[in-house]
Protein backbone atom coordinates (compact mmCIF):
# COMPACT_ATOMS: atom_id res chain seq x y z
CA MET A 1 12.00 -19.05 11.20
CA CYS A 2 13.12 -16.18 13.45
CA ASN A 3 10.68 -14.18 15.51
CA THR A 4 10.92 -10.64 14.14
CA LYS A 5 11.10 -9.07 17.62
CA TYR A 6 14.18 -11.14 18.42
CA LEU A 7 15.87 -10.62 15.06
CA ILE A 8 18.40 -8.18 16.52
CA LEU A 9 19.37 -10.52 19.36
CA ASN A 10 19.29 -13.97 17.83
CA CYS A 11 19.22 -14.01 14.07
CA SER A 12 21.70 -11.53 12.72
CA PRO A 13 25.21 -12.73 11.94
CA PHE A 14 26.42 -9.40 13.33
CA TYR A 15 25.22 -10.57 16.74
CA TYR A 16 27.88 -13.29 16.68
CA LEU A 17 30.64 -11.57 14.71
CA SER A 18 30.44 -7.88 15.60
CA PRO A 19 31.55 -8.20 19.26
CA CYS A 20 34.96 -9.59 18.29
CA LEU A 21 35.34 -7.25 15.31
CA TYR A 22 34.36 -4.21 17.34
CA PHE A 23 36.72 -5.19 20.15
CA ILE A 24 39.66 -5.59 17.78
CA LEU A 25 38.82 -2.22 16.13
CA ILE A 26 38.55 -0.27 19.38
CA MET A 27 41.64 -1.78 20.97
CA SER A 28 43.63 -1.03 17.81
CA LEU A 29 42.42 2.57 17.93
CA ILE A 30 43.69 2.99 21.46
CA VAL A 31 47.24 2.13 20.51
CA THR A 32 47.12 4.24 17.32
CA HIS A 33 48.24 7.82 17.67
CA LYS A 34 47.15 9.06 14.25
CA GLU A 35 44.38 11.58 13.86
CA PRO A 36 41.24 9.39 13.58
CA SER A 37 38.95 9.59 10.59
CA LYS A 38 35.41 10.90 10.89
CA LEU A 39 34.09 7.40 10.21
CA LEU A 40 36.01 5.90 13.14
CA VAL A 41 34.87 8.68 15.46
CA LEU A 42 31.26 8.09 14.42
CA ALA A 43 31.68 4.33 14.95
CA ALA A 44 32.98 4.95 18.46
CA PHE A 45 30.08 7.30 19.23
CA ALA A 46 27.68 4.67 17.88
CA ALA A 47 29.19 2.17 20.29
CA LEU A 48 28.82 4.63 23.14
CA TYR A 49 25.26 5.65 22.32
CA ILE A 50 23.73 2.36 21.19
CA ILE A 51 25.74 -0.33 22.99
CA TRP A 52 25.66 1.28 26.41
CA GLY A 53 21.96 1.98 25.91
CA SER A 54 21.33 -1.66 24.96
CA THR A 55 23.06 -3.10 28.05
CA TYR A 56 19.89 -2.51 30.09
CA LEU A 57 18.09 -4.98 27.85
CA GLY A 58 21.11 -7.28 27.85
CA ILE A 59 20.93 -7.51 31.65
CA VAL A 60 17.24 -8.42 31.53
CA VAL A 61 17.94 -11.26 29.11
CA ALA A 62 21.05 -12.48 30.94
CA ILE A 63 19.41 -12.78 34.39
CA ARG A 64 16.52 -14.82 33.05
CA SER A 65 18.53 -17.98 33.72
CA ILE A 66 21.68 -16.70 35.46
CA PRO A 67 21.51 -15.45 39.08
CA PRO A 68 22.03 -11.65 39.10
CA PHE A 69 25.24 -11.38 41.14
CA PHE A 70 26.82 -14.39 39.45
CA MET A 71 26.01 -12.73 36.13
CA LEU A 72 27.36 -9.36 37.26
CA GLY A 73 30.51 -10.93 38.66
CA THR A 74 31.21 -13.02 35.58
CA ARG A 75 30.66 -10.02 33.33
CA PHE A 76 33.23 -7.83 35.02
CA ALA A 77 35.70 -10.49 36.16
CA VAL A 78 36.09 -11.85 32.63
CA ALA A 79 36.21 -8.39 31.03
CA GLY A 80 38.68 -7.19 33.64
CA LEU A 81 40.99 -10.18 33.17
CA ILE A 82 40.96 -9.63 29.39
CA LEU A 83 41.90 -5.98 29.86
CA LEU A 84 44.55 -6.90 32.43
CA ALA A 85 46.10 -9.39 30.02
CA TRP A 86 46.07 -6.70 27.32
CA CYS A 87 47.91 -4.28 29.61
CA LEU A 88 50.53 -6.88 30.56
CA LEU A 89 51.08 -7.79 26.90
CA LYS A 90 51.78 -4.11 26.20
CA GLY A 91 54.47 -4.19 28.87
CA GLU A 92 52.64 -2.40 31.68
CA LYS A 93 53.41 -3.40 35.26
CA LEU A 94 50.86 -4.34 37.87
CA PRO A 95 50.05 -1.51 40.31
CA SER A 96 51.39 -1.64 43.86
CA VAL A 97 49.13 -3.12 46.55
CA GLN A 98 48.17 0.34 47.78
CA THR A 99 47.42 1.59 44.27
CA PHE A 100 45.49 -1.60 43.49
CA PHE A 101 43.37 -1.05 46.60
CA THR A 102 42.72 2.61 45.74
CA ILE A 103 41.65 1.80 42.18
CA GLY A 104 39.57 -1.11 43.47
CA VAL A 105 37.54 1.17 45.75
CA GLY A 106 36.42 3.16 42.72
CA GLY A 107 35.50 -0.09 40.97
CA LEU A 108 33.42 -1.26 43.91
CA LEU A 109 31.48 2.00 44.03
CA MET A 110 30.87 2.32 40.29
CA LEU A 111 30.60 -1.25 39.06
CA PHE A 112 29.57 -3.34 42.07
CA ILE A 113 27.22 -0.81 43.68
CA GLY A 114 26.30 1.17 40.54
CA ASN A 115 25.85 -1.64 38.01
CA GLY A 116 24.92 -4.08 40.76
CA ALA A 117 21.95 -1.91 41.67
CA VAL A 118 20.76 -1.95 38.04
CA THR A 119 21.20 -5.72 37.83
CA PHE A 120 19.27 -6.31 41.06
CA ALA A 121 16.49 -3.84 40.21
CA GLU A 122 15.89 -5.24 36.73
CA GLN A 123 14.61 -8.45 38.32
CA TYR A 124 11.54 -6.44 39.31
CA LEU A 125 11.47 -3.26 37.22
CA PRO A 126 11.38 -2.81 33.42
CA SER A 127 14.78 -2.03 31.90
CA GLY A 128 13.45 1.20 30.42
CA LEU A 129 12.31 2.45 33.83
CA ALA A 130 15.71 1.56 35.30
CA ALA A 131 17.41 3.58 32.55
CA ILE A 132 15.17 6.58 33.25
CA ILE A 133 16.21 6.58 36.92
CA VAL A 134 19.90 6.11 36.07
CA ALA A 135 19.64 9.15 33.79
CA THR A 136 19.86 11.25 36.97
CA VAL A 137 23.56 10.34 37.49
CA PRO A 138 24.86 13.69 36.11
CA LEU A 139 22.71 15.49 38.69
CA TRP A 140 24.31 13.52 41.52
CA PHE A 141 27.72 14.55 40.17
CA ILE A 142 26.75 18.18 40.75
CA LEU A 143 25.35 17.56 44.23
CA LEU A 144 28.28 15.44 45.44
CA ASP A 145 31.27 17.19 43.88
CA LYS A 146 32.26 19.21 46.95
CA ARG A 147 35.21 20.86 45.21
CA GLN A 148 32.83 22.46 42.72
CA TRP A 149 30.09 23.47 45.15
CA ARG A 150 31.05 27.15 45.22
CA TYR A 151 30.64 27.41 41.44
CA ASN A 152 27.74 24.98 41.01
CA PHE A 153 25.51 26.43 43.70
CA SER A 154 26.18 30.02 42.74
CA ASN A 155 24.87 29.39 39.22
CA SER A 156 21.10 29.74 38.95
CA LYS A 157 20.90 27.68 35.74
CA ILE A 158 22.66 24.70 37.33
CA ILE A 159 20.37 24.88 40.37
CA ALA A 160 17.35 25.08 38.06
CA GLY A 161 18.62 22.04 36.13
CA ILE A 162 18.94 20.00 39.32
CA VAL A 163 15.43 20.93 40.45
CA ILE A 164 13.97 20.13 37.01
CA GLY A 165 15.82 16.82 36.82
CA PHE A 166 14.65 15.53 40.17
CA ALA A 167 11.14 16.80 39.45
CA GLY A 168 11.19 14.31 36.58
CA VAL A 169 11.93 11.51 39.04
CA LEU A 170 8.98 12.60 41.20
CA LEU A 171 6.78 12.48 38.10
CA LEU A 172 7.29 8.71 38.03
CA PHE A 173 5.27 8.58 41.24
CA ALA A 174 2.51 10.90 40.10
CA GLY A 175 -1.02 9.53 39.75
CA LYS A 176 -1.08 5.89 38.69
CA GLY A 177 2.68 5.63 39.26
CA THR A 178 2.17 5.98 43.02
CA ALA A 179 -0.32 3.11 43.01
CA ASP A 180 2.03 0.90 40.98
CA PHE A 181 4.88 1.29 43.48
CA ALA A 182 2.66 1.19 46.59
CA ALA A 183 1.02 -2.06 45.49
CA ASP A 184 4.33 -3.88 45.12
CA ARG A 185 6.83 -3.39 47.92
CA ILE A 186 9.73 -5.02 46.06
CA LYS A 187 9.31 -2.50 43.22
CA LEU A 188 9.61 0.35 45.70
CA ILE A 189 12.70 -1.26 47.24
CA SER A 190 14.18 -1.71 43.76
CA PHE A 191 13.57 1.96 43.02
CA PHE A 192 15.55 3.03 46.09
CA VAL A 193 18.26 0.48 45.32
CA LEU A 194 18.62 2.19 41.93
CA ILE A 195 18.90 5.58 43.60
CA VAL A 196 21.67 4.20 45.85
CA GLY A 197 23.32 2.76 42.75
CA THR A 198 23.31 6.10 40.92
CA ILE A 199 24.85 7.75 43.98
CA GLY A 200 27.45 4.97 44.16
CA TRP A 201 28.40 5.51 40.51
CA ALA A 202 28.75 9.27 41.04
CA VAL A 203 30.79 8.88 44.25
CA GLY A 204 33.01 6.26 42.64
CA SER A 205 33.61 8.43 39.59
CA LEU A 206 34.51 11.44 41.74
CA PHE A 207 36.74 9.29 43.95
CA SER A 208 38.58 7.98 40.88
CA LYS A 209 38.83 11.50 39.43
CA TYR A 210 40.39 13.10 42.51
CA LYS A 211 42.54 10.20 43.73
CA ASP A 212 45.84 10.52 41.91
CA VAL A 213 47.25 7.07 41.17
CA THR A 214 50.05 5.95 38.87
CA ALA A 215 48.45 3.68 36.29
CA SER A 216 47.17 3.90 32.73
CA VAL A 217 43.46 4.41 32.12
CA THR A 218 43.23 0.88 30.72
CA MET A 219 44.96 -0.61 33.78
CA LYS A 220 42.62 1.32 36.07
CA ALA A 221 39.62 -0.05 34.19
CA ALA A 222 41.01 -3.60 34.37
CA VAL A 223 41.59 -3.42 38.13
CA GLN A 224 38.16 -1.87 38.74
CA MET A 225 36.44 -4.62 36.78
CA VAL A 226 38.42 -7.46 38.36
CA VAL A 227 37.79 -6.24 41.92
CA ALA A 228 34.09 -5.55 41.32
CA GLY A 229 33.67 -8.84 39.48
CA PHE A 230 35.10 -11.07 42.19
CA VAL A 231 33.30 -9.19 44.96
CA ALA A 232 30.02 -9.67 43.05
CA ILE A 233 30.68 -13.41 42.69
CA GLY A 234 31.44 -13.62 46.42
CA THR A 235 28.20 -11.75 47.14
CA GLY A 236 26.34 -14.26 45.00
CA PHE A 237 27.65 -17.11 47.16
CA LEU A 238 26.76 -15.23 50.36
CA LEU A 239 23.22 -14.84 49.03
CA HIS A 240 23.17 -18.58 48.18
CA GLU A 241 22.65 -17.98 44.48
CA GLN A 242 24.38 -21.31 43.90
CA THR A 243 21.38 -23.10 45.43
CA GLY A 244 19.42 -24.68 42.62
CA PHE A 245 21.65 -23.15 39.97
CA ALA A 246 23.38 -25.29 37.37
CA MET A 247 25.31 -24.30 34.26
CA SER A 248 23.16 -26.70 32.28
CA ASN A 249 20.14 -24.53 33.10
CA VAL A 250 21.61 -21.44 31.45
CA SER A 251 19.69 -20.75 28.28
CA LEU A 252 21.47 -19.96 25.02
CA GLU A 253 19.72 -16.60 25.05
CA SER A 254 21.14 -15.70 28.48
CA PHE A 255 24.59 -16.99 27.55
CA PHE A 256 24.82 -14.77 24.46
CA ALA A 257 23.40 -11.83 26.41
CA LEU A 258 26.19 -12.28 28.96
CA LEU A 259 28.75 -12.55 26.16
CA TYR A 260 27.35 -9.33 24.70
CA LEU A 261 27.62 -7.57 28.07
CA ILE A 262 31.23 -8.71 28.49
CA ILE A 263 32.54 -7.87 25.04
CA MET A 264 30.31 -5.07 23.82
CA GLY A 265 29.25 -3.47 27.09
CA ALA A 266 32.24 -3.83 29.42
CA LEU A 267 34.99 -3.75 26.78
CA VAL A 268 33.97 -2.13 23.48
CA ALA A 269 31.72 0.65 24.81
CA TYR A 270 33.98 1.48 27.73
CA MET A 271 37.14 1.52 25.61
CA SER A 272 35.30 3.66 23.04
CA TYR A 273 34.50 6.03 25.87
CA ILE A 274 38.07 6.46 27.11
CA TRP A 275 39.40 6.70 23.55
CA LEU A 276 36.89 9.40 22.62
CA LEU A 277 37.89 11.38 25.69
CA SER A 278 41.38 11.59 24.21
CA VAL A 279 40.28 12.85 20.78
CA ARG A 280 37.06 14.82 21.42
CA PRO A 281 35.88 17.29 24.11
CA ALA A 282 34.57 15.70 27.31
CA SER A 283 31.40 17.77 27.04
CA LEU A 284 30.68 16.14 23.69
CA VAL A 285 31.53 12.62 24.81
CA GLY A 286 29.21 13.10 27.80
CA THR A 287 26.21 13.42 25.49
CA TYR A 288 25.83 9.63 25.78
CA ALA A 289 23.89 10.39 28.99
CA TYR A 290 21.08 11.90 26.86
CA VAL A 291 20.91 9.06 24.35
CA ASN A 292 21.34 5.91 26.47
CA PRO A 293 17.99 6.07 28.30
CA VAL A 294 16.12 6.72 25.06
CA VAL A 295 17.79 3.68 23.45
CA ALA A 296 17.07 1.57 26.55
CA VAL A 297 13.39 2.51 26.65
CA PHE A 298 12.98 1.86 22.91
CA LEU A 299 14.72 -1.55 22.99
CA GLY A 300 12.81 -2.60 26.10
CA TRP A 301 9.58 -1.89 24.23
CA LEU A 302 10.71 -3.42 20.93
CA ILE A 303 12.30 -6.63 22.17
CA ALA A 304 11.21 -7.28 25.77
CA ASN A 305 7.58 -6.15 25.29
CA GLU A 306 7.92 -3.56 28.05
CA ALA A 307 5.12 -1.05 28.20
CA ILE A 308 5.96 2.62 27.65
CA THR A 309 3.56 4.95 29.42
CA THR A 310 3.03 8.61 28.66
CA GLN A 311 4.02 9.30 32.26
CA GLN A 312 7.42 7.63 31.78
CA VAL A 313 8.07 9.50 28.53
CA ILE A 314 7.27 12.85 30.18
CA ALA A 315 9.41 11.97 33.21
CA LEU A 316 12.35 11.04 30.96
CA ALA A 317 11.97 14.25 28.96
CA VAL A 318 11.94 16.34 32.15
CA ILE A 319 14.98 14.53 33.62
CA LEU A 320 16.95 14.95 30.39
CA ALA A 321 15.95 18.62 30.21
CA GLY A 322 17.44 19.11 33.67
CA VAL A 323 20.61 17.20 32.79
CA ILE A 324 21.06 19.09 29.52
CA LEU A 325 20.59 22.44 31.27
CA VAL A 326 23.22 21.50 33.85
CA ASN A 327 25.74 20.13 31.36
CA PHE A 328 25.43 22.87 28.79
CA THR A 329 25.78 25.48 31.49
CA LYS A 330 29.03 23.86 32.63
CA GLY A 331 30.35 23.02 29.18
CA SER A 332 30.69 24.64 25.79
CA LEU A 333 27.69 24.78 23.50
CA LYS A 334 29.85 24.70 20.39
CA ALA A 335 31.11 21.20 21.26
CA VAL A 336 27.83 19.80 20.00
CA LYS A 337 28.88 20.71 16.48
CA GLU A 338 32.13 18.75 16.71
CA ILE A 339 30.85 15.16 16.79
CA ALA A 340 32.63 14.23 13.56
CA GLY A 341 34.54 17.38 12.79
CA HIS A 342 37.75 19.05 13.88
CA GLU A 343 38.52 20.52 17.27
């Protein structure tokens, strides 16, 4: 008999079949140039909203019996090699050494530092709390995008959004929250590691955006994942994660969580993201940033028995209010109405 709280993870046939089916669907969409149907667009948005939001929980489950950097490295190395093979089968050529290095730097910043920070922190912090902190990434984009400073910092609404968003982060430390972090030093360290990770993701994204390289989006993603994956595995060895670790000790639960992160998180959700960018406005696709933390907090409570405090809910609401104010000031409000319609 299945435990109801683990029904989603362990007992549904979709848990075993949907990763492969979703992957085949998304990859076929990428090579199809026809105008997509509303149903396919909605399916891709569902992947973006729900799957990326669920990866926070997936990490928690995966690192229960797999060392964090070995898990991180395996996730991206395998996903990257699959994407690389896909690119080569389509007839694409490998990038030059210089281009490979340039793309790899972006991968190290976003995936090794960004996702690595989440993976490390979730050893000590609830997945929902990690997602709340990561929700500040769009604010770091504004602060670190030097080319847009003149516009961003001359707009009072954007400045207000930044202040509101970071006020939400400070709310996590208000009252009892301060005592929780002060009483456990590793939690405080993990919090700052997450902040560094969010900055790394923003810097890596901006670096990739402004560095002009000759390679397809899929090839760029493959190289980023491969580089980040093997660096993470190397880091695991440097940290002696191999000590006391044996493949026989990996639980079935952690194995399937890792498989989920590889196929659904690193491949399906990401490929849905880049495909949607080609058929829908970027401002609309970026709405995943509002949904992911809500999904992560809910799943952490439902499946991992993580507590949700009123303080965390208020902090999340304040952060998202700041992010929404910033994004809607920069983008077009009418894009919200286009999620399954025509441009």
